[in-house]
Amino acid sequence: SFTALGKVFNLNRKTDSRLASRIFKKT
């Protein structure tokens, strides 16, 4: 599923990085 996510998410962008951090924090 990460292959598809990579078309939307780019963790070089601060907004995407912050969103990813919240997802990982929930896990």
mmCIF file of all heavy atoms, coordinates in Angstrom:
data_MODEL
# 
_entry.id   MODEL 
# 
loop_
_atom_site.group_PDB 
_atom_site.id 
_atom_site.type_symbol 
_atom_site.label_atom_id 
_atom_site.label_alt_id 
_atom_site.label_comp_id 
_atom_site.label_asym_id 
_atom_site.label_entity_id 
_atom_site.label_seq_id 
_atom_site.pdbx_PDB_ins_code 
_atom_site.Cartn_x 
_atom_site.Cartn_y 
_atom_site.Cartn_z 
_atom_site.occupancy 
_atom_site.B_iso_or_equiv 
_atom_site.pdbx_formal_charge 
_atom_site.auth_seq_id 
_atom_site.auth_comp_id 
_atom_site.auth_asym_id 
_atom_site.auth_atom_id 
_atom_site.pdbx_PDB_model_num 
ATOM 1   N N   . SER A 1 1  ? 0.819  -1.215 0.000  1.00 0.00 ? 1  SER A N   1 
ATOM 2   C CA  . SER A 1 1  ? 0.000  0.000  0.000  1.00 0.00 ? 1  SER A CA  1 
ATOM 3   C C   . SER A 1 1  ? 0.851  1.263  0.000  1.00 0.00 ? 1  SER A C   1 
ATOM 4   O O   . SER A 1 1  ? 0.399  2.333  -0.432 1.00 0.00 ? 1  SER A O   1 
ATOM 5   C CB  . SER A 1 1  ? -0.932 0.011  1.209  1.00 0.00 ? 1  SER A CB  1 
ATOM 6   O OG  . SER A 1 1  ? -0.197 -0.042 2.420  1.00 0.00 ? 1  SER A OG  1 
ATOM 7   N N   . PHE A 1 2  ? 2.100  1.169  0.463  1.00 0.00 ? 2  PHE A N   1 
ATOM 8   C CA  . PHE A 1 2  ? 2.978  2.341  0.499  1.00 0.00 ? 2  PHE A CA  1 
ATOM 9   C C   . PHE A 1 2  ? 3.342  2.811  -0.904 1.00 0.00 ? 2  PHE A C   1 
ATOM 10  O O   . PHE A 1 2  ? 3.673  3.981  -1.097 1.00 0.00 ? 2  PHE A O   1 
ATOM 11  C CB  . PHE A 1 2  ? 4.248  2.024  1.295  1.00 0.00 ? 2  PHE A CB  1 
ATOM 12  C CG  . PHE A 1 2  ? 4.046  2.093  2.783  1.00 0.00 ? 2  PHE A CG  1 
ATOM 13  C CD1 . PHE A 1 2  ? 3.522  1.007  3.468  1.00 0.00 ? 2  PHE A CD1 1 
ATOM 14  C CD2 . PHE A 1 2  ? 4.361  3.233  3.500  1.00 0.00 ? 2  PHE A CD2 1 
ATOM 15  C CE1 . PHE A 1 2  ? 3.318  1.059  4.836  1.00 0.00 ? 2  PHE A CE1 1 
ATOM 16  C CE2 . PHE A 1 2  ? 4.165  3.300  4.874  1.00 0.00 ? 2  PHE A CE2 1 
ATOM 17  C CZ  . PHE A 1 2  ? 3.638  2.206  5.546  1.00 0.00 ? 2  PHE A CZ  1 
ATOM 18  N N   . THR A 1 3  ? 3.293  1.913  -1.865 1.00 0.00 ? 3  THR A N   1 
ATOM 19  C CA  . THR A 1 3  ? 3.593  2.304  -3.239 1.00 0.00 ? 3  THR A CA  1 
ATOM 20  C C   . THR A 1 3  ? 2.588  3.335  -3.723 1.00 0.00 ? 3  THR A C   1 
ATOM 21  O O   . THR A 1 3  ? 2.953  4.349  -4.337 1.00 0.00 ? 3  THR A O   1 
ATOM 22  C CB  . THR A 1 3  ? 3.590  1.070  -4.163 1.00 0.00 ? 3  THR A CB  1 
ATOM 23  O OG1 . THR A 1 3  ? 4.569  0.131  -3.692 1.00 0.00 ? 3  THR A OG1 1 
ATOM 24  C CG2 . THR A 1 3  ? 3.919  1.459  -5.589 1.00 0.00 ? 3  THR A CG2 1 
ATOM 25  N N   . ALA A 1 4  ? 1.311  3.102  -3.429 1.00 0.00 ? 4  ALA A N   1 
ATOM 26  C CA  . ALA A 1 4  ? 0.277  4.061  -3.803 1.00 0.00 ? 4  ALA A CA  1 
ATOM 27  C C   . ALA A 1 4  ? 0.378  5.332  -2.960 1.00 0.00 ? 4  ALA A C   1 
ATOM 28  O O   . ALA A 1 4  ? 0.210  6.445  -3.473 1.00 0.00 ? 4  ALA A O   1 
ATOM 29  C CB  . ALA A 1 4  ? -1.099 3.431  -3.655 1.00 0.00 ? 4  ALA A CB  1 
ATOM 30  N N   . LEU A 1 5  ? 0.676  5.182  -1.668 1.00 0.00 ? 5  LEU A N   1 
ATOM 31  C CA  . LEU A 1 5  ? 0.790  6.353  -0.793 1.00 0.00 ? 5  LEU A CA  1 
ATOM 32  C C   . LEU A 1 5  ? 1.900  7.293  -1.259 1.00 0.00 ? 5  LEU A C   1 
ATOM 33  O O   . LEU A 1 5  ? 1.804  8.516  -1.098 1.00 0.00 ? 5  LEU A O   1 
ATOM 34  C CB  . LEU A 1 5  ? 1.061  5.905  0.643  1.00 0.00 ? 5  LEU A CB  1 
ATOM 35  C CG  . LEU A 1 5  ? -0.105 5.295  1.414  1.00 0.00 ? 5  LEU A CG  1 
ATOM 36  C CD1 . LEU A 1 5  ? 0.367  4.752  2.752  1.00 0.00 ? 5  LEU A CD1 1 
ATOM 37  C CD2 . LEU A 1 5  ? -1.209 6.324  1.620  1.00 0.00 ? 5  LEU A CD2 1 
ATOM 38  N N   . GLY A 1 6  ? 2.936  6.710  -1.833 1.00 0.00 ? 6  GLY A N   1 
ATOM 39  C CA  . GLY A 1 6  ? 4.065  7.515  -2.285 1.00 0.00 ? 6  GLY A CA  1 
ATOM 40  C C   . GLY A 1 6  ? 3.718  8.468  -3.408 1.00 0.00 ? 6  GLY A C   1 
ATOM 41  O O   . GLY A 1 6  ? 4.466  9.420  -3.680 1.00 0.00 ? 6  GLY A O   1 
ATOM 42  N N   . LYS A 1 7  ? 2.601  8.247  -4.059 1.00 0.00 ? 7  LYS A N   1 
ATOM 43  C CA  . LYS A 1 7  ? 2.156  9.171  -5.112 1.00 0.00 ? 7  LYS A CA  1 
ATOM 44  C C   . LYS A 1 7  ? 1.539  10.432 -4.519 1.00 0.00 ? 7  LYS A C   1 
ATOM 45  O O   . LYS A 1 7  ? 1.326  11.423 -5.231 1.00 0.00 ? 7  LYS A O   1 
ATOM 46  C CB  . LYS A 1 7  ? 1.162  8.465  -6.031 1.00 0.00 ? 7  LYS A CB  1 
ATOM 47  C CG  . LYS A 1 7  ? 1.755  7.258  -6.764 1.00 0.00 ? 7  LYS A CG  1 
ATOM 48  C CD  . LYS A 1 7  ? 0.701  6.529  -7.593 1.00 0.00 ? 7  LYS A CD  1 
ATOM 49  C CE  . LYS A 1 7  ? 1.313  5.320  -8.302 1.00 0.00 ? 7  LYS A CE  1 
ATOM 50  N NZ  . LYS A 1 7  ? 0.308  4.562  -9.087 1.00 0.00 ? 7  LYS A NZ  1 
ATOM 51  N N   . VAL A 1 8  ? 1.230  10.375 -3.227 1.00 0.00 ? 8  VAL A N   1 
ATOM 52  C CA  . VAL A 1 8  ? 0.597  11.506 -2.546 1.00 0.00 ? 8  VAL A CA  1 
ATOM 53  C C   . VAL A 1 8  ? 1.513  12.100 -1.485 1.00 0.00 ? 8  VAL A C   1 
ATOM 54  O O   . VAL A 1 8  ? 1.636  13.318 -1.357 1.00 0.00 ? 8  VAL A O   1 
ATOM 55  C CB  . VAL A 1 8  ? -0.731 11.062 -1.898 1.00 0.00 ? 8  VAL A CB  1 
ATOM 56  C CG1 . VAL A 1 8  ? -1.393 12.223 -1.176 1.00 0.00 ? 8  VAL A CG1 1 
ATOM 57  C CG2 . VAL A 1 8  ? -1.665 10.465 -2.935 1.00 0.00 ? 8  VAL A CG2 1 
ATOM 58  N N   . PHE A 1 9  ? 2.178  11.205 -0.718 1.00 0.00 ? 9  PHE A N   1 
ATOM 59  C CA  . PHE A 1 9  ? 3.001  11.649 0.400  1.00 0.00 ? 9  PHE A CA  1 
ATOM 60  C C   . PHE A 1 9  ? 4.459  11.814 -0.019 1.00 0.00 ? 9  PHE A C   1 
ATOM 61  O O   . PHE A 1 9  ? 5.005  10.997 -0.766 1.00 0.00 ? 9  PHE A O   1 
ATOM 62  C CB  . PHE A 1 9  ? 2.938  10.650 1.554  1.00 0.00 ? 9  PHE A CB  1 
ATOM 63  C CG  . PHE A 1 9  ? 1.694  10.757 2.379  1.00 0.00 ? 9  PHE A CG  1 
ATOM 64  C CD1 . PHE A 1 9  ? 0.544  10.067 2.032  1.00 0.00 ? 9  PHE A CD1 1 
ATOM 65  C CD2 . PHE A 1 9  ? 1.658  11.564 3.506  1.00 0.00 ? 9  PHE A CD2 1 
ATOM 66  C CE1 . PHE A 1 9  ? -0.609 10.163 2.788  1.00 0.00 ? 9  PHE A CE1 1 
ATOM 67  C CE2 . PHE A 1 9  ? 0.510  11.669 4.270  1.00 0.00 ? 9  PHE A CE2 1 
ATOM 68  C CZ  . PHE A 1 9  ? -0.620 10.968 3.915  1.00 0.00 ? 9  PHE A CZ  1 
ATOM 69  N N   . ASN A 1 10 ? 5.065  12.854 0.502  1.00 0.00 ? 10 ASN A N   1 
ATOM 70  C CA  . ASN A 1 10 ? 6.500  13.075 0.341  1.00 0.00 ? 10 ASN A CA  1 
ATOM 71  C C   . ASN A 1 10 ? 7.009  13.604 1.664  1.00 0.00 ? 10 ASN A C   1 
ATOM 72  O O   . ASN A 1 10 ? 6.730  14.745 2.045  1.00 0.00 ? 10 ASN A O   1 
ATOM 73  C CB  . ASN A 1 10 ? 6.761  14.078 -0.786 1.00 0.00 ? 10 ASN A CB  1 
ATOM 74  C CG  . ASN A 1 10 ? 8.253  14.280 -1.058 1.00 0.00 ? 10 ASN A CG  1 
ATOM 75  O OD1 . ASN A 1 10 ? 9.091  14.108 -0.175 1.00 0.00 ? 10 ASN A OD1 1 
ATOM 76  N ND2 . ASN A 1 10 ? 8.575  14.655 -2.288 1.00 0.00 ? 10 ASN A ND2 1 
ATOM 77  N N   . LEU A 1 11 ? 7.751  12.784 2.395  1.00 0.00 ? 11 LEU A N   1 
ATOM 78  C CA  . LEU A 1 11 ? 8.160  13.165 3.743  1.00 0.00 ? 11 LEU A CA  1 
ATOM 79  C C   . LEU A 1 11 ? 9.266  14.210 3.761  1.00 0.00 ? 11 LEU A C   1 
ATOM 80  O O   . LEU A 1 11 ? 9.734  14.597 4.840  1.00 0.00 ? 11 LEU A O   1 
ATOM 81  C CB  . LEU A 1 11 ? 8.581  11.922 4.538  1.00 0.00 ? 11 LEU A CB  1 
ATOM 82  C CG  . LEU A 1 11 ? 7.458  10.921 4.822  1.00 0.00 ? 11 LEU A CG  1 
ATOM 83  C CD1 . LEU A 1 11 ? 7.878  9.941  5.915  1.00 0.00 ? 11 LEU A CD1 1 
ATOM 84  C CD2 . LEU A 1 11 ? 6.168  11.601 5.208  1.00 0.00 ? 11 LEU A CD2 1 
ATOM 85  N N   . ASN A 1 12 ? 9.657  14.696 2.592  1.00 0.00 ? 12 ASN A N   1 
ATOM 86  C CA  . ASN A 1 12 ? 10.523 15.877 2.561  1.00 0.00 ? 12 ASN A CA  1 
ATOM 87  C C   . ASN A 1 12 ? 9.713  17.155 2.810  1.00 0.00 ? 12 ASN A C   1 
ATOM 88  O O   . ASN A 1 12 ? 10.280 18.195 3.138  1.00 0.00 ? 12 ASN A O   1 
ATOM 89  C CB  . ASN A 1 12 ? 11.229 15.981 1.209  1.00 0.00 ? 12 ASN A CB  1 
ATOM 90  C CG  . ASN A 1 12 ? 12.261 14.888 1.024  1.00 0.00 ? 12 ASN A CG  1 
ATOM 91  O OD1 . ASN A 1 12 ? 13.254 14.813 1.739  1.00 0.00 ? 12 ASN A OD1 1 
ATOM 92  N ND2 . ASN A 1 12 ? 12.015 13.998 0.055  1.00 0.00 ? 12 ASN A ND2 1 
ATOM 93  N N   . ARG A 1 13 ? 8.395  17.057 2.643  1.00 0.00 ? 13 ARG A N   1 
ATOM 94  C CA  . ARG A 1 13 ? 7.527  18.206 2.910  1.00 0.00 ? 13 ARG A CA  1 
ATOM 95  C C   . ARG A 1 13 ? 7.132  18.213 4.378  1.00 0.00 ? 13 ARG A C   1 
ATOM 96  O O   . ARG A 1 13 ? 6.710  17.179 4.923  1.00 0.00 ? 13 ARG A O   1 
ATOM 97  C CB  . ARG A 1 13 ? 6.270  18.131 2.030  1.00 0.00 ? 13 ARG A CB  1 
ATOM 98  C CG  . ARG A 1 13 ? 6.559  18.238 0.538  1.00 0.00 ? 13 ARG A CG  1 
ATOM 99  C CD  . ARG A 1 13 ? 5.282  18.480 -0.246 1.00 0.00 ? 13 ARG A CD  1 
ATOM 100 N NE  . ARG A 1 13 ? 4.370  17.341 -0.193 1.00 0.00 ? 13 ARG A NE  1 
ATOM 101 C CZ  . ARG A 1 13 ? 4.119  16.533 -1.225 1.00 0.00 ? 13 ARG A CZ  1 
ATOM 102 N NH1 . ARG A 1 13 ? 4.751  16.718 -2.385 1.00 0.00 ? 13 ARG A NH1 1 
ATOM 103 N NH2 . ARG A 1 13 ? 3.259  15.546 -1.114 1.00 0.00 ? 13 ARG A NH2 1 
ATOM 104 N N   . LYS A 1 14 ? 7.231  19.359 5.022  1.00 0.00 ? 14 LYS A N   1 
ATOM 105 C CA  . LYS A 1 14 ? 6.963  19.457 6.456  1.00 0.00 ? 14 LYS A CA  1 
ATOM 106 C C   . LYS A 1 14 ? 5.524  19.063 6.790  1.00 0.00 ? 14 LYS A C   1 
ATOM 107 O O   . LYS A 1 14 ? 5.269  18.411 7.806  1.00 0.00 ? 14 LYS A O   1 
ATOM 108 C CB  . LYS A 1 14 ? 7.248  20.876 6.957  1.00 0.00 ? 14 LYS A CB  1 
ATOM 109 C CG  . LYS A 1 14 ? 8.725  21.221 7.029  1.00 0.00 ? 14 LYS A CG  1 
ATOM 110 C CD  . LYS A 1 14 ? 9.427  20.391 8.103  1.00 0.00 ? 14 LYS A CD  1 
ATOM 111 C CE  . LYS A 1 14 ? 10.921 20.691 8.180  1.00 0.00 ? 14 LYS A CE  1 
ATOM 112 N NZ  . LYS A 1 14 ? 11.203 22.041 8.687  1.00 0.00 ? 14 LYS A NZ  1 
ATOM 113 N N   . THR A 1 15 ? 4.579  19.462 5.942  1.00 0.00 ? 15 THR A N   1 
ATOM 114 C CA  . THR A 1 15 ? 3.182  19.125 6.227  1.00 0.00 ? 15 THR A CA  1 
ATOM 115 C C   . THR A 1 15 ? 2.976  17.610 6.219  1.00 0.00 ? 15 THR A C   1 
ATOM 116 O O   . THR A 1 15 ? 2.282  17.058 7.086  1.00 0.00 ? 15 THR A O   1 
ATOM 117 C CB  . THR A 1 15 ? 2.249  19.777 5.196  1.00 0.00 ? 15 THR A CB  1 
ATOM 118 O OG1 . THR A 1 15 ? 2.692  19.435 3.869  1.00 0.00 ? 15 THR A OG1 1 
ATOM 119 C CG2 . THR A 1 15 ? 2.241  21.286 5.354  1.00 0.00 ? 15 THR A CG2 1 
ATOM 120 N N   . ASP A 1 16 ? 3.586  16.928 5.252  1.00 0.00 ? 16 ASP A N   1 
ATOM 121 C CA  . ASP A 1 16 ? 3.457  15.473 5.180  1.00 0.00 ? 16 ASP A CA  1 
ATOM 122 C C   . ASP A 1 16 ? 4.202  14.808 6.324  1.00 0.00 ? 16 ASP A C   1 
ATOM 123 O O   . ASP A 1 16 ? 3.751  13.788 6.869  1.00 0.00 ? 16 ASP A O   1 
ATOM 124 C CB  . ASP A 1 16 ? 4.000  14.961 3.844  1.00 0.00 ? 16 ASP A CB  1 
ATOM 125 C CG  . ASP A 1 16 ? 3.113  15.344 2.670  1.00 0.00 ? 16 ASP A CG  1 
ATOM 126 O OD1 . ASP A 1 16 ? 2.068  15.975 2.905  1.00 0.00 ? 16 ASP A OD1 1 
ATOM 127 O OD2 . ASP A 1 16 ? 3.459  15.020 1.522  1.00 0.00 ? 16 ASP A OD2 1 
ATOM 128 N N   . SER A 1 17 ? 5.334  15.374 6.689  1.00 0.00 ? 17 SER A N   1 
ATOM 129 C CA  . SER A 1 17 ? 6.116  14.824 7.796  1.00 0.00 ? 17 SER A CA  1 
ATOM 130 C C   . SER A 1 17 ? 5.341  14.906 9.104  1.00 0.00 ? 17 SER A C   1 
ATOM 131 O O   . SER A 1 17 ? 5.309  13.955 9.888  1.00 0.00 ? 17 SER A O   1 
ATOM 132 C CB  . SER A 1 17 ? 7.443  15.577 7.918  1.00 0.00 ? 17 SER A CB  1 
ATOM 133 O OG  . SER A 1 17 ? 8.180  15.130 9.031  1.00 0.00 ? 17 SER A OG  1 
ATOM 134 N N   . ARG A 1 18 ? 4.679  16.055 9.334  1.00 0.00 ? 18 ARG A N   1 
ATOM 135 C CA  . ARG A 1 18 ? 3.889  16.218 10.562 1.00 0.00 ? 18 ARG A CA  1 
ATOM 136 C C   . ARG A 1 18 ? 2.713  15.245 10.579 1.00 0.00 ? 18 ARG A C   1 
ATOM 137 O O   . ARG A 1 18 ? 2.395  14.661 11.620 1.00 0.00 ? 18 ARG A O   1 
ATOM 138 C CB  . ARG A 1 18 ? 3.406  17.665 10.693 1.00 0.00 ? 18 ARG A CB  1 
ATOM 139 C CG  . ARG A 1 18 ? 4.477  18.635 11.152 1.00 0.00 ? 18 ARG A CG  1 
ATOM 140 C CD  . ARG A 1 18 ? 3.851  19.953 11.587 1.00 0.00 ? 18 ARG A CD  1 
ATOM 141 N NE  . ARG A 1 18 ? 3.271  20.663 10.448 1.00 0.00 ? 18 ARG A NE  1 
ATOM 142 C CZ  . ARG A 1 18 ? 3.927  21.541 9.695  1.00 0.00 ? 18 ARG A CZ  1 
ATOM 143 N NH1 . ARG A 1 18 ? 5.199  21.813 9.964  1.00 0.00 ? 18 ARG A NH1 1 
ATOM 144 N NH2 . ARG A 1 18 ? 3.318  22.155 8.696  1.00 0.00 ? 18 ARG A NH2 1 
ATOM 145 N N   . LEU A 1 19 ? 2.067  15.074 9.427  1.00 0.00 ? 19 LEU A N   1 
ATOM 146 C CA  . LEU A 1 19 ? 0.948  14.140 9.357  1.00 0.00 ? 19 LEU A CA  1 
ATOM 147 C C   . LEU A 1 19 ? 1.430  12.717 9.617  1.00 0.00 ? 19 LEU A C   1 
ATOM 148 O O   . LEU A 1 19 ? 0.794  11.964 10.375 1.00 0.00 ? 19 LEU A O   1 
ATOM 149 C CB  . LEU A 1 19 ? 0.285  14.226 7.984  1.00 0.00 ? 19 LEU A CB  1 
ATOM 150 C CG  . LEU A 1 19 ? -0.875 13.246 7.733  1.00 0.00 ? 19 LEU A CG  1 
ATOM 151 C CD1 . LEU A 1 19 ? -1.967 13.416 8.781  1.00 0.00 ? 19 LEU A CD1 1 
ATOM 152 C CD2 . LEU A 1 19 ? -1.444 13.437 6.337  1.00 0.00 ? 19 LEU A CD2 1 
ATOM 153 N N   . ALA A 1 20 ? 2.553  12.342 9.019  1.00 0.00 ? 20 ALA A N   1 
ATOM 154 C CA  . ALA A 1 20 ? 3.111  11.007 9.241  1.00 0.00 ? 20 ALA A CA  1 
ATOM 155 C C   . ALA A 1 20 ? 3.442  10.797 10.714 1.00 0.00 ? 20 ALA A C   1 
ATOM 156 O O   . ALA A 1 20 ? 3.210  9.714  11.266 1.00 0.00 ? 20 ALA A O   1 
ATOM 157 C CB  . ALA A 1 20 ? 4.350  10.794 8.385  1.00 0.00 ? 20 ALA A CB  1 
ATOM 158 N N   . SER A 1 21 ? 3.957  11.832 11.364 1.00 0.00 ? 21 SER A N   1 
ATOM 159 C CA  . SER A 1 21 ? 4.310  11.705 12.785 1.00 0.00 ? 21 SER A CA  1 
ATOM 160 C C   . SER A 1 21 ? 3.078  11.418 13.625 1.00 0.00 ? 21 SER A C   1 
ATOM 161 O O   . SER A 1 21 ? 3.127  10.640 14.578 1.00 0.00 ? 21 SER A O   1 
ATOM 162 C CB  . SER A 1 21 ? 5.016  12.969 13.280 1.00 0.00 ? 21 SER A CB  1 
ATOM 163 O OG  . SER A 1 21 ? 4.106  14.043 13.453 1.00 0.00 ? 21 SER A OG  1 
ATOM 164 N N   . ARG A 1 22 ? 1.947  12.051 13.270 1.00 0.00 ? 22 ARG A N   1 
ATOM 165 C CA  . ARG A 1 22 ? 0.711  11.795 14.023 1.00 0.00 ? 22 ARG A CA  1 
ATOM 166 C C   . ARG A 1 22 ? 0.222  10.366 13.807 1.00 0.00 ? 22 ARG A C   1 
ATOM 167 O O   . ARG A 1 22 ? -0.279 9.731  14.742 1.00 0.00 ? 22 ARG A O   1 
ATOM 168 C CB  . ARG A 1 22 ? -0.355 12.811 13.611 1.00 0.00 ? 22 ARG A CB  1 
ATOM 169 C CG  . ARG A 1 22 ? -0.076 14.226 14.079 1.00 0.00 ? 22 ARG A CG  1 
ATOM 170 C CD  . ARG A 1 22 ? -1.315 15.098 14.003 1.00 0.00 ? 22 ARG A CD  1 
ATOM 171 N NE  . ARG A 1 22 ? -1.663 15.416 12.632 1.00 0.00 ? 22 ARG A NE  1 
ATOM 172 C CZ  . ARG A 1 22 ? -1.229 16.485 11.979 1.00 0.00 ? 22 ARG A CZ  1 
ATOM 173 N NH1 . ARG A 1 22 ? -0.400 17.332 12.581 1.00 0.00 ? 22 ARG A NH1 1 
ATOM 174 N NH2 . ARG A 1 22 ? -1.614 16.722 10.745 1.00 0.00 ? 22 ARG A NH2 1 
ATOM 175 N N   . ILE A 1 23 ? 0.386  9.867  12.587 1.00 0.00 ? 23 ILE A N   1 
ATOM 176 C CA  . ILE A 1 23 ? -0.034 8.492  12.294 1.00 0.00 ? 23 ILE A CA  1 
ATOM 177 C C   . ILE A 1 23 ? 0.838  7.499  13.057 1.00 0.00 ? 23 ILE A C   1 
ATOM 178 O O   . ILE A 1 23 ? 0.332  6.550  13.684 1.00 0.00 ? 23 ILE A O   1 
ATOM 179 C CB  . ILE A 1 23 ? 0.041  8.223  10.779 1.00 0.00 ? 23 ILE A CB  1 
ATOM 180 C CG1 . ILE A 1 23 ? -0.985 9.082  10.039 1.00 0.00 ? 23 ILE A CG1 1 
ATOM 181 C CG2 . ILE A 1 23 ? -0.191 6.741  10.481 1.00 0.00 ? 23 ILE A CG2 1 
ATOM 182 C CD1 . ILE A 1 23 ? -0.842 9.072  8.539  1.00 0.00 ? 23 ILE A CD1 1 
ATOM 183 N N   . PHE A 1 24 ? 2.146  7.724  13.033 1.00 0.00 ? 24 PHE A N   1 
ATOM 184 C CA  . PHE A 1 24 ? 3.054  6.836  13.761 1.00 0.00 ? 24 PHE A CA  1 
ATOM 185 C C   . PHE A 1 24 ? 2.813  6.936  15.270 1.00 0.00 ? 24 PHE A C   1 
ATOM 186 O O   . PHE A 1 24 ? 2.921  5.938  15.989 1.00 0.00 ? 24 PHE A O   1 
ATOM 187 C CB  . PHE A 1 24 ? 4.513  7.170  13.434 1.00 0.00 ? 24 PHE A CB  1 
ATOM 188 C CG  . PHE A 1 24 ? 4.987  6.633  12.118 1.00 0.00 ? 24 PHE A CG  1 
ATOM 189 C CD1 . PHE A 1 24 ? 5.292  7.488  11.070 1.00 0.00 ? 24 PHE A CD1 1 
ATOM 190 C CD2 . PHE A 1 24 ? 5.136  5.265  11.913 1.00 0.00 ? 24 PHE A CD2 1 
ATOM 191 C CE1 . PHE A 1 24 ? 5.730  7.001  9.852  1.00 0.00 ? 24 PHE A CE1 1 
ATOM 192 C CE2 . PHE A 1 24 ? 5.573  4.765  10.698 1.00 0.00 ? 24 PHE A CE2 1 
ATOM 193 C CZ  . PHE A 1 24 ? 5.869  5.638  9.661  1.00 0.00 ? 24 PHE A CZ  1 
ATOM 194 N N   . LYS A 1 25 ? 2.499  8.139  15.754 1.00 0.00 ? 25 LYS A N   1 
ATOM 195 C CA  . LYS A 1 25 ? 2.233  8.313  17.190 1.00 0.00 ? 25 LYS A CA  1 
ATOM 196 C C   . LYS A 1 25 ? 0.990  7.526  17.595 1.00 0.00 ? 25 LYS A C   1 
ATOM 197 O O   . LYS A 1 25 ? 0.962  6.896  18.670 1.00 0.00 ? 25 LYS A O   1 
ATOM 198 C CB  . LYS A 1 25 ? 2.035  9.793  17.509 1.00 0.00 ? 25 LYS A CB  1 
ATOM 199 C CG  . LYS A 1 25 ? 1.729  10.082 18.990 1.00 0.00 ? 25 LYS A CG  1 
ATOM 200 C CD  . LYS A 1 25 ? 2.882  9.665  19.890 1.00 0.00 ? 25 LYS A CD  1 
ATOM 201 C CE  . LYS A 1 25 ? 2.755  10.187 21.306 1.00 0.00 ? 25 LYS A CE  1 
ATOM 202 N NZ  . LYS A 1 25 ? 1.573  9.715  22.022 1.00 0.00 ? 25 LYS A NZ  1 
ATOM 203 N N   . LYS A 1 26 ? -0.027 7.540  16.750 1.00 0.00 ? 26 LYS A N   1 
ATOM 204 C CA  . LYS A 1 26 ? -1.242 6.786  17.057 1.00 0.00 ? 26 LYS A CA  1 
ATOM 205 C C   . LYS A 1 26 ? -0.921 5.295  17.154 1.00 0.00 ? 26 LYS A C   1 
ATOM 206 O O   . LYS A 1 26 ? -1.400 4.599  18.062 1.00 0.00 ? 26 LYS A O   1 
ATOM 207 C CB  . LYS A 1 26 ? -2.299 7.030  15.982 1.00 0.00 ? 26 LYS A CB  1 
ATOM 208 C CG  . LYS A 1 26 ? -3.634 6.363  16.281 1.00 0.00 ? 26 LYS A CG  1 
ATOM 209 C CD  . LYS A 1 26 ? -4.689 6.724  15.250 1.00 0.00 ? 26 LYS A CD  1 
ATOM 210 C CE  . LYS A 1 26 ? -6.026 6.067  15.572 1.00 0.00 ? 26 LYS A CE  1 
ATOM 211 N NZ  . LYS A 1 26 ? -7.072 6.423  14.576 1.00 0.00 ? 26 LYS A NZ  1 
ATOM 212 N N   . THR A 1 27 ? -0.111 4.799  16.208 1.00 0.00 ? 27 THR A N   1 
ATOM 213 C CA  . THR A 1 27 ? 0.300  3.393  16.260 1.00 0.00 ? 27 THR A CA  1 
ATOM 214 C C   . THR A 1 27 ? 1.102  3.112  17.519 1.00 0.00 ? 27 THR A C   1 
ATOM 215 O O   . THR A 1 27 ? 0.937  2.072  18.163 1.00 0.00 ? 27 THR A O   1 
ATOM 216 C CB  . THR A 1 27 ? 1.141  3.034  15.018 1.00 0.00 ? 27 THR A CB  1 
ATOM 217 O OG1 . THR A 1 27 ? 0.387  3.305  13.842 1.00 0.00 ? 27 THR A OG1 1 
ATOM 218 C CG2 . THR A 1 27 ? 1.545  1.572  15.037 1.00 0.00 ? 27 THR A CG2 1 
# 
